[in-house]
Protein backbone atom coordinates (compact mmCIF):
# COMPACT_ATOMS: atom_id res chain seq x y z
CA MET A 1 95.15 69.72 122.78
CA ALA A 2 92.98 71.63 120.31
CA ASP A 3 91.38 69.96 117.31
CA TRP A 4 90.57 71.25 113.84
CA VAL A 5 86.85 70.87 113.18
CA ASP A 6 85.17 70.92 109.77
CA VAL A 7 82.64 73.75 109.44
CA CYS A 8 81.49 73.91 105.82
CA SER A 9 82.62 73.98 102.21
CA LEU A 10 84.25 77.19 101.04
CA GLU A 11 81.40 77.65 98.53
CA GLU A 12 78.83 77.80 101.36
CA LEU A 13 80.28 81.00 102.80
CA ASP A 14 80.67 84.03 100.55
CA PRO A 15 83.20 86.79 101.26
CA GLU A 16 81.78 89.34 103.73
CA ASP A 17 79.36 86.78 105.15
CA VAL A 18 78.87 84.91 108.43
CA ILE A 19 77.34 81.58 109.47
CA ARG A 20 76.49 79.99 112.78
CA PHE A 21 78.37 76.83 113.74
CA ASP A 22 77.45 74.77 116.81
CA HIS A 23 79.86 72.22 118.26
CA ASP A 24 79.95 70.51 121.67
CA ASP A 25 77.37 72.82 123.27
CA ARG A 26 79.18 75.93 122.01
CA THR A 27 78.16 78.41 119.34
CA PHE A 28 80.65 80.00 116.96
CA ALA A 29 80.39 82.63 114.25
CA VAL A 30 82.46 81.79 111.17
CA TYR A 31 83.24 84.52 108.65
CA ARG A 32 84.96 85.16 105.35
CA ALA A 33 86.60 88.54 105.10
CA GLU A 34 86.59 90.67 101.94
CA ASP A 35 89.87 89.03 100.89
CA GLY A 36 88.31 85.55 101.28
CA SER A 37 90.23 84.61 104.42
CA PRO A 38 88.27 82.64 107.06
CA HIS A 39 87.87 83.80 110.67
CA ALA A 40 86.00 82.51 113.71
CA THR A 41 84.78 84.04 116.98
CA GLU A 42 82.43 83.18 119.77
CA GLY A 43 78.95 83.10 118.29
CA LEU A 44 77.14 85.30 120.80
CA CYS A 45 77.47 89.04 121.31
CA THR A 46 79.18 89.86 124.61
CA HIS A 47 76.62 92.60 125.28
CA GLU A 48 73.31 90.67 125.35
CA LYS A 49 74.13 87.17 124.04
CA VAL A 50 72.46 87.61 120.64
CA HIS A 51 73.59 85.32 117.80
CA LEU A 52 76.07 87.18 115.63
CA CYS A 53 75.19 85.03 112.61
CA ASP A 54 72.10 87.23 112.24
CA GLY A 55 74.29 90.33 111.99
CA LEU A 56 75.87 92.10 109.06
CA VAL A 57 79.51 91.78 107.99
CA LEU A 58 80.93 95.16 107.00
CA GLY A 59 84.53 94.85 105.86
CA ASP A 60 86.41 93.40 108.84
CA GLU A 61 83.57 93.97 111.30
CA ILE A 62 80.44 92.12 112.35
CA GLU A 63 77.52 94.29 113.44
CA CYS A 64 75.31 92.78 116.13
CA PRO A 65 71.68 92.62 114.98
CA LYS A 66 70.25 93.80 118.30
CA HIS A 67 71.98 97.06 119.25
CA ASN A 68 74.38 97.54 116.31
CA GLY A 69 77.55 97.14 118.36
CA ARG A 70 80.49 95.99 116.25
CA PHE A 71 83.43 93.62 116.63
CA ASN A 72 86.52 93.10 114.49
CA ILE A 73 86.19 89.62 112.95
CA ARG A 74 89.98 89.13 112.81
CA THR A 75 90.82 90.12 116.40
CA GLY A 76 87.48 89.96 118.25
CA ALA A 77 88.04 93.52 119.50
CA ALA A 78 84.95 95.51 120.47
CA GLN A 79 84.71 98.38 117.98
CA ARG A 80 81.50 100.30 118.69
CA ALA A 81 79.20 100.77 121.68
CA PRO A 82 77.29 99.33 123.29
CA VAL A 83 79.75 96.41 123.15
CA THR A 84 82.79 96.82 125.40
CA VAL A 85 83.96 93.23 125.96
CA ASP A 86 85.98 91.60 123.17
CA LEU A 87 84.99 88.30 121.55
CA ARG A 88 87.22 85.26 121.87
CA THR A 89 88.67 84.28 118.49
CA PHE A 90 89.65 80.88 117.11
CA PRO A 91 92.14 79.98 114.36
CA ALA A 92 90.46 79.26 111.01
CA ARG A 93 91.81 77.85 107.78
CA ILE A 94 90.84 76.60 104.35
CA ARG A 95 91.86 73.00 103.72
CA GLU A 96 90.93 71.03 100.61
CA GLY A 97 88.08 73.42 99.79
CA ARG A 98 86.64 73.29 103.33
CA ILE A 99 86.66 75.80 106.17
CA GLU A 100 87.94 74.45 109.48
CA ILE A 101 88.32 76.06 112.91
CA GLU A 102 90.59 75.05 115.76
CA ILE A 103 88.82 74.64 119.09
């Protein structure tokens, strides 16, 4: 059974931003889209395992800081080469002013 895990307060993550979140030996990237909705993916690029938290959020995409490949933050879909393998996504929600992800 999956559990909801507290990540941060809503105020700590601006729209069109990303943070790194580590939990149980796993790294996640947690985002807020332009509309303020939270999203979560695996935290490492599928191309060369670079931390996505160092990348740039552009609308609904995260750009990897190493080779500028892009992923959709809502679906995890690879959007631009050199990335070709999608990211795994995780449900995210805002609850009582906090962002939580289900893992």
